[in-house]
Amino acid sequence: MAGAHLPFPGIGHVNTRVERNGTTNGYRWIPVNYSLNGLK
């Protein structure tokens, strides 16, 4: 997923937030690690 008004680079995943008791409680943003290493 990519978004416009997110910190650079704004690419990541949305996962379900699970509490310790096993219930779901919304969503959380997991940013993707961004690196230029390996690009030539």
C-alpha atoms as a PDB file:
ATOM      1  CA  MET A   1       0.000   0.000   0.000  1.00  0.00           C
ATOM      2  CA  ALA A   2       1.233   3.526  -0.717  1.00  0.00           C
ATOM      3  CA  GLY A   3      -0.139   6.799   0.595  1.00  0.00           C
ATOM      4  CA  ALA A   4       0.238  10.480  -0.204  1.00  0.00           C
ATOM      5  CA  HIS A   5       0.372  12.126   3.247  1.00  0.00           C
ATOM      6  CA  LEU A   6       2.683   9.668   5.003  1.00  0.00           C
ATOM      7  CA  PRO A   7       6.345  10.084   5.988  1.00  0.00           C
ATOM      8  CA  PHE A   8       8.801   9.276   3.187  1.00  0.00           C
ATOM      9  CA  PRO A   9       8.659   6.886   1.422  1.00  0.00           C
ATOM     10  CA  GLY A  10       5.028   6.259   2.445  1.00  0.00           C
ATOM     11  CA  ILE A  11       5.060   2.578   1.450  1.00  0.00           C
ATOM     12  CA  GLY A  12       4.036  -0.183   3.822  1.00  0.00           C
ATOM     13  CA  HIS A  13       1.460  -2.699   4.974  1.00  0.00           C
ATOM     14  CA  VAL A  14      -1.769  -2.403   6.960  1.00  0.00           C
ATOM     15  CA  ASN A  15      -2.267  -5.217   9.491  1.00  0.00           C
ATOM     16  CA  THR A  16      -5.061  -5.994  11.926  1.00  0.00           C
ATOM     17  CA  ARG A  17      -4.189  -4.925  15.448  1.00  0.00           C
ATOM     18  CA  VAL A  18      -4.628  -7.839  17.865  1.00  0.00           C
ATOM     19  CA  GLU A  19      -4.716  -7.260  21.615  1.00  0.00           C
ATOM     20  CA  ARG A  20      -3.074  -9.594  24.156  1.00  0.00           C
ATOM     21  CA  ASN A  21      -6.439 -11.173  24.941  1.00  0.00           C
ATOM     22  CA  GLY A  22      -6.860 -12.141  21.257  1.00  0.00           C
ATOM     23  CA  THR A  23      -9.484  -9.562  20.298  1.00  0.00           C
ATOM     24  CA  THR A  24      -8.982  -7.326  17.263  1.00  0.00           C
ATOM     25  CA  ASN A  25      -8.815  -3.598  17.825  1.00  0.00           C
ATOM     26  CA  GLY A  26      -8.505  -1.747  14.519  1.00  0.00           C
ATOM     27  CA  TYR A  27      -5.511  -1.575  12.215  1.00  0.00           C
ATOM     28  CA  ARG A  28      -1.848  -0.570  12.336  1.00  0.00           C
ATOM     29  CA  TRP A  29       0.586   0.771   9.751  1.00  0.00           C
ATOM     30  CA  ILE A  30       3.792  -1.245   9.202  1.00  0.00           C
ATOM     31  CA  PRO A  31       6.268   0.820   7.134  1.00  0.00           C
ATOM     32  CA  VAL A  32       8.479  -0.934   4.587  1.00  0.00           C
ATOM     33  CA  ASN A  33      12.235  -0.505   5.049  1.00  0.00           C
ATOM     34  CA  TYR A  34      13.488   1.753   2.277  1.00  0.00           C
ATOM     35  CA  SER A  35      17.030   1.635   0.946  1.00  0.00           C
ATOM     36  CA  LEU A  36      18.824   2.479  -2.287  1.00  0.00           C
ATOM     37  CA  ASN A  37      21.424  -0.236  -1.632  1.00  0.00           C
ATOM     38  CA  GLY A  38      21.615  -2.669  -4.526  1.00  0.00           C
ATOM     39  CA  LEU A  39      20.201  -0.242  -7.094  1.00  0.00           C
ATOM     40  CA  LYS A  40      22.565   0.694  -9.917  1.00  0.00           C
END
